[in-house]
């Protein structure tokens, strides 16, 4: 069974968060944001937030909040899956 997030996707979440913290969301490469938005949409994690994240016409504060919502949702999906696949024996 495939985890909702692989180690690269988790590293990308951390990388985006670091860039936002240091330089703001406008400094995050478009391809990285689009990749995260695509992953979120694929997993059904807040598709509206995914759209806001990649729309450079939306205010930065809205895009940063959208990232926070997506990051939280993606991490929770990963944690739920990890707990569900733990062998109880």
PDB file of N, CA and C in Angstrom:
ATOM      1  N   UNK A   1       0.846  -1.175   0.000  1.00  0.00           N
ATOM      2  CA  UNK A   1       0.000   0.000   0.000  1.00  0.00           C
ATOM      3  C   UNK A   1       0.893   1.241   0.000  1.00  0.00           C
ATOM      4  N   UNK A   2       0.484   2.252  -0.728  1.00  0.00           N
ATOM      5  CA  UNK A   2       1.281   3.472  -0.872  1.00  0.00           C
ATOM      6  C   UNK A   2       0.823   4.503   0.165  1.00  0.00           C
ATOM      7  N   UNK A   3       1.778   5.099   0.853  1.00  0.00           N
ATOM      8  CA  UNK A   3       1.454   6.163   1.794  1.00  0.00           C
ATOM      9  C   UNK A   3       0.975   7.387   1.031  1.00  0.00           C
ATOM     10  N   UNK A   4       0.077   8.173   1.615  1.00  0.00           N
ATOM     11  CA  UNK A   4      -0.374   9.383   0.945  1.00  0.00           C
ATOM     12  C   UNK A   4       0.768  10.333   0.592  1.00  0.00           C
ATOM     13  N   UNK A   5       1.808  10.367   1.383  1.00  0.00           N
ATOM     14  CA  UNK A   5       2.962  11.217   1.100  1.00  0.00           C
ATOM     15  C   UNK A   5       4.229  10.391   1.173  1.00  0.00           C
ATOM     16  N   UNK A   6       5.094  10.591   0.209  1.00  0.00           N
ATOM     17  CA  UNK A   6       6.386   9.922   0.300  1.00  0.00           C
ATOM     18  C   UNK A   6       7.397  10.884   0.931  1.00  0.00           C
ATOM     19  N   UNK A   7       8.586  10.417   1.133  1.00  0.00           N
ATOM     20  CA  UNK A   7       9.588  11.241   1.825  1.00  0.00           C
ATOM     21  C   UNK A   7       9.934  12.510   1.038  1.00  0.00           C
ATOM     22  N   UNK A   8       9.880  12.451  -0.285  1.00  0.00           N
ATOM     23  CA  UNK A   8      10.163  13.652  -1.090  1.00  0.00           C
ATOM     24  C   UNK A   8       9.080  14.700  -0.896  1.00  0.00           C
ATOM     25  N   UNK A   9       7.834  14.272  -0.854  1.00  0.00           N
ATOM     26  CA  UNK A   9       6.740  15.216  -0.654  1.00  0.00           C
ATOM     27  C   UNK A   9       6.821  15.869   0.728  1.00  0.00           C
ATOM     28  N   UNK A  10       7.188  15.086   1.734  1.00  0.00           N
ATOM     29  CA  UNK A  10       7.354  15.650   3.071  1.00  0.00           C
ATOM     30  C   UNK A  10       8.508  16.655   3.075  1.00  0.00           C
ATOM     31  N   UNK A  11       9.597  16.319   2.405  1.00  0.00           N
ATOM     32  CA  UNK A  11      10.729  17.251   2.301  1.00  0.00           C
ATOM     33  C   UNK A  11      10.307  18.524   1.566  1.00  0.00           C
ATOM     34  N   UNK A  12       9.470  18.391   0.531  1.00  0.00           N
ATOM     35  CA  UNK A  12       8.979  19.567  -0.200  1.00  0.00           C
ATOM     36  C   UNK A  12       8.137  20.462   0.705  1.00  0.00           C
ATOM     37  N   UNK A  13       7.283  19.859   1.533  1.00  0.00           N
ATOM     38  CA  UNK A  13       6.494  20.655   2.483  1.00  0.00           C
ATOM     39  C   UNK A  13       7.415  21.459   3.401  1.00  0.00           C
ATOM     40  N   UNK A  14       8.427  20.800   3.919  1.00  0.00           N
ATOM     41  CA  UNK A  14       9.376  21.476   4.805  1.00  0.00           C
ATOM     42  C   UNK A  14      10.128  22.578   4.066  1.00  0.00           C
ATOM     43  N   UNK A  15      10.522  22.298   2.841  1.00  0.00           N
ATOM     44  CA  UNK A  15      11.262  23.282   2.034  1.00  0.00           C
ATOM     45  C   UNK A  15      10.402  24.519   1.776  1.00  0.00           C
ATOM     46  N   UNK A  16       9.145  24.304   1.382  1.00  0.00           N
ATOM     47  CA  UNK A  16       8.256  25.436   1.127  1.00  0.00           C
ATOM     48  C   UNK A  16       8.066  26.258   2.403  1.00  0.00           C
ATOM     49  N   UNK A  17       7.842  25.579   3.524  1.00  0.00           N
ATOM     50  CA  UNK A  17       7.677  26.295   4.790  1.00  0.00           C
ATOM     51  C   UNK A  17       8.890  27.135   5.138  1.00  0.00           C
ATOM     52  N   UNK A  18      10.067  26.597   4.899  1.00  0.00           N
ATOM     53  CA  UNK A  18      11.305  27.328   5.184  1.00  0.00           C
ATOM     54  C   UNK A  18      11.431  28.554   4.282  1.00  0.00           C
ATOM     55  N   UNK A  19      11.138  28.378   2.998  1.00  0.00           N
ATOM     56  CA  UNK A  19      11.228  29.513   2.064  1.00  0.00           C
ATOM     57  C   UNK A  19      10.227  30.598   2.450  1.00  0.00           C
ATOM     58  N   UNK A  20       9.004  30.190   2.778  1.00  0.00           N
ATOM     59  CA  UNK A  20       7.990  31.166   3.183  1.00  0.00           C
ATOM     60  C   UNK A  20       8.452  31.920   4.421  1.00  0.00           C
ATOM     61  N   UNK A  21       8.991  31.201   5.375  1.00  0.00           N
ATOM     62  CA  UNK A  21       9.454  31.816   6.619  1.00  0.00           C
ATOM     63  C   UNK A  21      10.581  32.822   6.371  1.00  0.00           C
ATOM     64  N   UNK A  22      11.494  32.473   5.504  1.00  0.00           N
ATOM     65  CA  UNK A  22      12.677  33.324   5.292  1.00  0.00           C
ATOM     66  C   UNK A  22      12.468  34.426   4.257  1.00  0.00           C
ATOM     67  N   UNK A  23      11.698  34.118   3.184  1.00  0.00           N
ATOM     68  CA  UNK A  23      11.634  35.054   2.059  1.00  0.00           C
ATOM     69  C   UNK A  23      10.217  35.413   1.610  1.00  0.00           C
ATOM     70  N   UNK A  24       9.224  34.711   2.125  1.00  0.00           N
ATOM     71  CA  UNK A  24       7.845  34.961   1.694  1.00  0.00           C
ATOM     72  C   UNK A  24       7.422  33.997   0.599  1.00  0.00           C
ATOM     73  N   UNK A  25       6.133  33.884   0.411  1.00  0.00           N
ATOM     74  CA  UNK A  25       5.599  32.890  -0.519  1.00  0.00           C
ATOM     75  C   UNK A  25       5.946  33.195  -1.974  1.00  0.00           C
ATOM     76  N   UNK A  26       6.145  34.465  -2.299  1.00  0.00           N
ATOM     77  CA  UNK A  26       6.487  34.808  -3.681  1.00  0.00           C
ATOM     78  C   UNK A  26       7.849  34.259  -4.101  1.00  0.00           C
ATOM     79  N   UNK A  27       8.681  33.871  -3.147  1.00  0.00           N
ATOM     80  CA  UNK A  27      10.005  33.321  -3.459  1.00  0.00           C
ATOM     81  C   UNK A  27       9.974  31.817  -3.724  1.00  0.00           C
ATOM     82  N   UNK A  28       8.845  31.175  -3.451  1.00  0.00           N
ATOM     83  CA  UNK A  28       8.747  29.727  -3.666  1.00  0.00           C
ATOM     84  C   UNK A  28       8.581  29.467  -5.167  1.00  0.00           C
ATOM     85  N   UNK A  29       9.398  28.574  -5.739  1.00  0.00           N
ATOM     86  CA  UNK A  29       9.274  28.276  -7.172  1.00  0.00           C
ATOM     87  C   UNK A  29       7.873  27.754  -7.519  1.00  0.00           C
ATOM     88  N   UNK A  30       7.353  28.244  -8.644  1.00  0.00           N
ATOM     89  CA  UNK A  30       6.011  27.844  -9.082  1.00  0.00           C
ATOM     90  C   UNK A  30       5.865  26.328  -9.181  1.00  0.00           C
ATOM     91  N   UNK A  31       6.879  25.664  -9.711  1.00  0.00           N
ATOM     92  CA  UNK A  31       6.793  24.215  -9.891  1.00  0.00           C
ATOM     93  C   UNK A  31       6.608  23.475  -8.580  1.00  0.00           C
ATOM     94  N   UNK A  32       7.249  23.966  -7.535  1.00  0.00           N
ATOM     95  CA  UNK A  32       7.131  23.344  -6.221  1.00  0.00           C
ATOM     96  C   UNK A  32       5.722  23.536  -5.662  1.00  0.00           C
ATOM     97  N   UNK A  33       5.182  24.748  -5.804  1.00  0.00           N
ATOM     98  CA  UNK A  33       3.814  25.003  -5.346  1.00  0.00           C
ATOM     99  C   UNK A  33       2.806  24.179  -6.135  1.00  0.00           C
ATOM    100  N   UNK A  34       3.004  24.098  -7.441  1.00  0.00           N
ATOM    101  CA  UNK A  34       2.087  23.326  -8.277  1.00  0.00           C
ATOM    102  C   UNK A  34       2.128  21.847  -7.925  1.00  0.00           C
ATOM    103  N   UNK A  35       3.296  21.341  -7.612  1.00  0.00           N
ATOM    104  CA  UNK A  35       3.435  19.946  -7.218  1.00  0.00           C
ATOM    105  C   UNK A  35       2.670  19.667  -5.925  1.00  0.00           C
ATOM    106  N   UNK A  36       2.814  20.551  -4.940  1.00  0.00           N
ATOM    107  CA  UNK A  36       2.096  20.376  -3.679  1.00  0.00           C
ATOM    108  C   UNK A  36       0.584  20.484  -3.890  1.00  0.00           C
ATOM    109  N   UNK A  37       0.170  21.438  -4.703  1.00  0.00           N
ATOM    110  CA  UNK A  37      -1.261  21.597  -4.981  1.00  0.00           C
ATOM    111  C   UNK A  37      -1.817  20.363  -5.683  1.00  0.00           C
ATOM    112  N   UNK A  38      -1.067  19.819  -6.605  1.00  0.00           N
ATOM    113  CA  UNK A  38      -1.496  18.606  -7.324  1.00  0.00           C
ATOM    114  C   UNK A  38      -1.620  17.425  -6.361  1.00  0.00           C
ATOM    115  N   UNK A  39      -0.643  17.272  -5.480  1.00  0.00           N
ATOM    116  CA  UNK A  39      -0.700  16.192  -4.485  1.00  0.00           C
ATOM    117  C   UNK A  39      -1.930  16.346  -3.596  1.00  0.00           C
ATOM    118  N   UNK A  40      -2.181  17.570  -3.155  1.00  0.00           N
ATOM    119  CA  UNK A  40      -3.328  17.818  -2.278  1.00  0.00           C
ATOM    120  C   UNK A  40      -4.638  17.504  -2.996  1.00  0.00           C
ATOM    121  N   UNK A  41      -4.758  17.958  -4.228  1.00  0.00           N
ATOM    122  CA  UNK A  41      -5.988  17.692  -4.983  1.00  0.00           C
ATOM    123  C   UNK A  41      -6.170  16.193  -5.207  1.00  0.00           C
ATOM    124  N   UNK A  42      -5.095  15.503  -5.518  1.00  0.00           N
ATOM    125  CA  UNK A  42      -5.161  14.058  -5.741  1.00  0.00           C
ATOM    126  C   UNK A  42      -5.670  13.333  -4.501  1.00  0.00           C
ATOM    127  N   UNK A  43      -5.244  13.797  -3.331  1.00  0.00           N
ATOM    128  CA  UNK A  43      -5.648  13.171  -2.073  1.00  0.00           C
ATOM    129  C   UNK A  43      -6.949  13.742  -1.509  1.00  0.00           C
ATOM    130  N   UNK A  44      -7.538  14.711  -2.224  1.00  0.00           N
ATOM    131  CA  UNK A  44      -8.789  15.304  -1.771  1.00  0.00           C
ATOM    132  C   UNK A  44      -8.625  16.239  -0.587  1.00  0.00           C
ATOM    133  N   UNK A  45      -7.425  16.773  -0.422  1.00  0.00           N
ATOM    134  CA  UNK A  45      -7.148  17.687   0.696  1.00  0.00           C
ATOM    135  C   UNK A  45      -7.388  19.117   0.229  1.00  0.00           C
ATOM    136  N   UNK A  46      -8.463  19.687   0.657  1.00  0.00           N
ATOM    137  CA  UNK A  46      -8.774  21.103   0.445  1.00  0.00           C
ATOM    138  C   UNK A  46      -8.444  21.618  -0.958  1.00  0.00           C
ATOM    139  N   UNK A  47      -9.194  21.190  -1.977  1.00  0.00           N
ATOM    140  CA  UNK A  47      -8.886  21.632  -3.341  1.00  0.00           C
ATOM    141  C   UNK A  47      -8.964  23.146  -3.548  1.00  0.00           C
ATOM    142  N   UNK A  48      -9.825  23.833  -2.805  1.00  0.00           N
ATOM    143  CA  UNK A  48      -9.896  25.296  -2.938  1.00  0.00           C
ATOM    144  C   UNK A  48      -8.599  25.925  -2.442  1.00  0.00           C
ATOM    145  N   UNK A  49      -8.088  25.435  -1.335  1.00  0.00           N
ATOM    146  CA  UNK A  49      -6.810  25.950  -0.828  1.00  0.00           C
ATOM    147  C   UNK A  49      -5.683  25.678  -1.815  1.00  0.00           C
ATOM    148  N   UNK A  50      -5.731  24.533  -2.474  1.00  0.00           N
ATOM    149  CA  UNK A  50      -4.714  24.214  -3.477  1.00  0.00           C
ATOM    150  C   UNK A  50      -4.746  25.231  -4.617  1.00  0.00           C
ATOM    151  N   UNK A  51      -5.939  25.611  -5.025  1.00  0.00           N
ATOM    152  CA  UNK A  51      -6.069  26.603  -6.102  1.00  0.00           C
ATOM    153  C   UNK A  51      -5.559  27.970  -5.666  1.00  0.00           C
ATOM    154  N   UNK A  52      -5.852  28.346  -4.438  1.00  0.00           N
ATOM    155  CA  UNK A  52      -5.385  29.641  -3.915  1.00  0.00           C
ATOM    156  C   UNK A  52      -3.860  29.648  -3.815  1.00  0.00           C
ATOM    157  N   UNK A  53      -3.286  28.553  -3.383  1.00  0.00           N
ATOM    158  CA  UNK A  53      -1.833  28.467  -3.215  1.00  0.00           C
ATOM    159  C   UNK A  53      -1.090  28.816  -4.497  1.00  0.00           C
ATOM    160  N   UNK A  54      -1.566  28.346  -5.628  1.00  0.00           N
ATOM    161  CA  UNK A  54      -0.828  28.538  -6.887  1.00  0.00           C
ATOM    162  C   UNK A  54      -1.236  29.784  -7.663  1.00  0.00           C
ATOM    163  N   UNK A  55      -2.230  30.515  -7.175  1.00  0.00           N
ATOM    164  CA  UNK A  55      -2.699  31.710  -7.888  1.00  0.00           C
ATOM    165  C   UNK A  55      -1.935  32.941  -7.413  1.00  0.00           C
ATOM    166  N   UNK A  56      -1.004  33.402  -8.221  1.00  0.00           N
ATOM    167  CA  UNK A  56      -0.171  34.552  -7.849  1.00  0.00           C
ATOM    168  C   UNK A  56      -0.958  35.863  -7.799  1.00  0.00           C
ATOM    169  N   UNK A  57      -2.207  35.854  -8.247  1.00  0.00           N
ATOM    170  CA  UNK A  57      -3.041  37.053  -8.158  1.00  0.00           C
ATOM    171  C   UNK A  57      -3.703  37.189  -6.789  1.00  0.00           C
ATOM    172  N   UNK A  58      -3.757  36.095  -6.031  1.00  0.00           N
ATOM    173  CA  UNK A  58      -4.316  36.160  -4.684  1.00  0.00           C
ATOM    174  C   UNK A  58      -3.300  36.827  -3.753  1.00  0.00           C
ATOM    175  N   UNK A  59      -3.791  37.490  -2.708  1.00  0.00           N
ATOM    176  CA  UNK A  59      -2.861  38.134  -1.762  1.00  0.00           C
ATOM    177  C   UNK A  59      -1.926  37.110  -1.115  1.00  0.00           C
ATOM    178  N   UNK A  60      -0.718  37.541  -0.825  1.00  0.00           N
ATOM    179  CA  UNK A  60       0.285  36.654  -0.223  1.00  0.00           C
ATOM    180  C   UNK A  60      -0.219  36.026   1.067  1.00  0.00           C
ATOM    181  N   UNK A  61      -0.904  36.803   1.887  1.00  0.00           N
ATOM    182  CA  UNK A  61      -1.377  36.273   3.165  1.00  0.00           C
ATOM    183  C   UNK A  61      -2.387  35.132   2.934  1.00  0.00           C
ATOM    184  N   UNK A  62      -3.213  35.241   1.910  1.00  0.00           N
ATOM    185  CA  UNK A  62      -4.171  34.173   1.602  1.00  0.00           C
ATOM    186  C   UNK A  62      -3.441  32.935   1.105  1.00  0.00           C
ATOM    187  N   UNK A  63      -2.414  33.133   0.302  1.00  0.00           N
ATOM    188  CA  UNK A  63      -1.644  32.009  -0.223  1.00  0.00           C
ATOM    189  C   UNK A  63      -0.857  31.317   0.896  1.00  0.00           C
ATOM    190  N   UNK A  64      -0.323  32.099   1.829  1.00  0.00           N
ATOM    191  CA  UNK A  64       0.393  31.512   2.965  1.00  0.00           C
ATOM    192  C   UNK A  64      -0.559  30.716   3.857  1.00  0.00           C
ATOM    193  N   UNK A  65      -1.745  31.245   4.056  1.00  0.00           N
ATOM    194  CA  UNK A  65      -2.736  30.515   4.853  1.00  0.00           C
ATOM    195  C   UNK A  65      -3.146  29.235   4.121  1.00  0.00           C
ATOM    196  N   UNK A  66      -3.287  29.300   2.808  1.00  0.00           N
ATOM    197  CA  UNK A  66      -3.635  28.114   2.018  1.00  0.00           C
ATOM    198  C   UNK A  66      -2.542  27.051   2.159  1.00  0.00           C
ATOM    199  N   UNK A  67      -1.286  27.481   2.156  1.00  0.00           N
ATOM    200  CA  UNK A  67      -0.202  26.526   2.361  1.00  0.00           C
ATOM    201  C   UNK A  67      -0.327  25.858   3.725  1.00  0.00           C
ATOM    202  N   UNK A  68      -0.601  26.645   4.761  1.00  0.00           N
ATOM    203  CA  UNK A  68      -0.735  26.084   6.109  1.00  0.00           C
ATOM    204  C   UNK A  68      -1.862  25.054   6.160  1.00  0.00           C
ATOM    205  N   UNK A  69      -2.973  25.352   5.527  1.00  0.00           N
ATOM    206  CA  UNK A  69      -4.112  24.428   5.495  1.00  0.00           C
ATOM    207  C   UNK A  69      -3.730  23.143   4.768  1.00  0.00           C
ATOM    208  N   UNK A  70      -3.069  23.288   3.608  1.00  0.00           N
ATOM    209  CA  UNK A  70      -2.668  22.106   2.837  1.00  0.00           C
ATOM    210  C   UNK A  70      -1.610  21.285   3.560  1.00  0.00           C
ATOM    211  N   UNK A  71      -0.627  21.953   4.124  1.00  0.00           N
ATOM    212  CA  UNK A  71       0.434  21.228   4.836  1.00  0.00           C
ATOM    213  C   UNK A  71      -0.151  20.426   5.990  1.00  0.00           C
ATOM    214  N   UNK A  72      -1.051  21.046   6.735  1.00  0.00           N
ATOM    215  CA  UNK A  72      -1.690  20.352   7.849  1.00  0.00           C
ATOM    216  C   UNK A  72      -2.514  19.168   7.350  1.00  0.00           C
ATOM    217  N   UNK A  73      -3.297  19.388   6.304  1.00  0.00           N
ATOM    218  CA  UNK A  73      -4.120  18.313   5.753  1.00  0.00           C
ATOM    219  C   UNK A  73      -3.303  17.164   5.197  1.00  0.00           C
ATOM    220  N   UNK A  74      -2.226  17.482   4.504  1.00  0.00           N
ATOM    221  CA  UNK A  74      -1.373  16.435   3.941  1.00  0.00           C
ATOM    222  C   UNK A  74      -0.666  15.648   5.043  1.00  0.00           C
ATOM    223  N   UNK A  75      -0.171  16.344   6.056  1.00  0.00           N
ATOM    224  CA  UNK A  75       0.492  15.650   7.175  1.00  0.00           C
ATOM    225  C   UNK A  75      -0.500  14.755   7.926  1.00  0.00           C
ATOM    226  N   UNK A  76      -1.720  15.252   8.116  1.00  0.00           N
ATOM    227  CA  UNK A  76      -2.735  14.446   8.805  1.00  0.00           C
ATOM    228  C   UNK A  76      -3.092  13.205   7.988  1.00  0.00           C
ATOM    229  N   UNK A  77      -3.217  13.367   6.677  1.00  0.00           N
ATOM    230  CA  UNK A  77      -3.521  12.213   5.816  1.00  0.00           C
ATOM    231  C   UNK A  77      -2.414  11.174   5.932  1.00  0.00           C
ATOM    232  N   UNK A  78      -1.178  11.641   5.956  1.00  0.00           N
ATOM    233  CA  UNK A  78      -0.035  10.741   6.097  1.00  0.00           C
ATOM    234  C   UNK A  78      -0.067  10.033   7.452  1.00  0.00           C
ATOM    235  N   UNK A  79      -0.329  10.787   8.514  1.00  0.00           N
ATOM    236  CA  UNK A  79      -0.358  10.203   9.864  1.00  0.00           C
ATOM    237  C   UNK A  79      -1.502   9.204  10.003  1.00  0.00           C
ATOM    238  N   UNK A  80      -2.686   9.538   9.474  1.00  0.00           N
ATOM    239  CA  UNK A  80      -3.820   8.610   9.554  1.00  0.00           C
ATOM    240  C   UNK A  80      -3.501   7.306   8.848  1.00  0.00           C
ATOM    241  N   UNK A  81      -2.886   7.410   7.689  1.00  0.00           N
ATOM    242  CA  UNK A  81      -2.553   6.204   6.929  1.00  0.00           C
ATOM    243  C   UNK A  81      -1.510   5.380   7.671  1.00  0.00           C
ATOM    244  N   UNK A  82      -0.524   6.054   8.250  1.00  0.00           N
ATOM    245  CA  UNK A  82       0.534   5.343   8.979  1.00  0.00           C
ATOM    246  C   UNK A  82      -0.065   4.603  10.175  1.00  0.00           C
ATOM    247  N   UNK A  83      -0.988   5.217  10.893  1.00  0.00           N
ATOM    248  CA  UNK A  83      -1.630   4.578  12.040  1.00  0.00           C
ATOM    249  C   UNK A  83      -2.490   3.402  11.583  1.00  0.00           C
ATOM    250  N   UNK A  84      -3.204   3.585  10.471  1.00  0.00           N
ATOM    251  CA  UNK A  84      -4.094   2.528   9.968  1.00  0.00           C
ATOM    252  C   UNK A  84      -3.328   1.301   9.492  1.00  0.00           C
ATOM    253  N   UNK A  85      -2.072   1.466   9.120  1.00  0.00           N
ATOM    254  CA  UNK A  85      -1.316   0.325   8.598  1.00  0.00           C
ATOM    255  C   UNK A  85      -0.378  -0.298   9.614  1.00  0.00           C
ATOM    256  N   UNK A  86      -0.419   0.161  10.857  1.00  0.00           N
ATOM    257  CA  UNK A  86       0.415  -0.430  11.905  1.00  0.00           C
ATOM    258  C   UNK A  86      -0.090  -1.820  12.227  1.00  0.00           C
ATOM    259  N   UNK A  87       0.822  -2.767  12.285  1.00  0.00           N
ATOM    260  CA  UNK A  87       0.481  -4.158  12.607  1.00  0.00           C
ATOM    261  C   UNK A  87       0.280  -4.270  14.107  1.00  0.00           C
ATOM    262  N   UNK A  88      -0.945  -4.658  14.560  1.00  0.00           N
ATOM    263  CA  UNK A  88      -1.217  -4.704  15.993  1.00  0.00           C
ATOM    264  C   UNK A  88      -0.523  -5.835  16.749  1.00  0.00           C
ATOM    265  N   UNK A  89       0.135  -6.751  16.079  1.00  0.00           N
ATOM    266  CA  UNK A  89       0.756  -7.887  16.796  1.00  0.00           C
ATOM    267  C   UNK A  89       2.113  -7.566  17.347  1.00  0.00           C
TER     268      UNK A  89
END
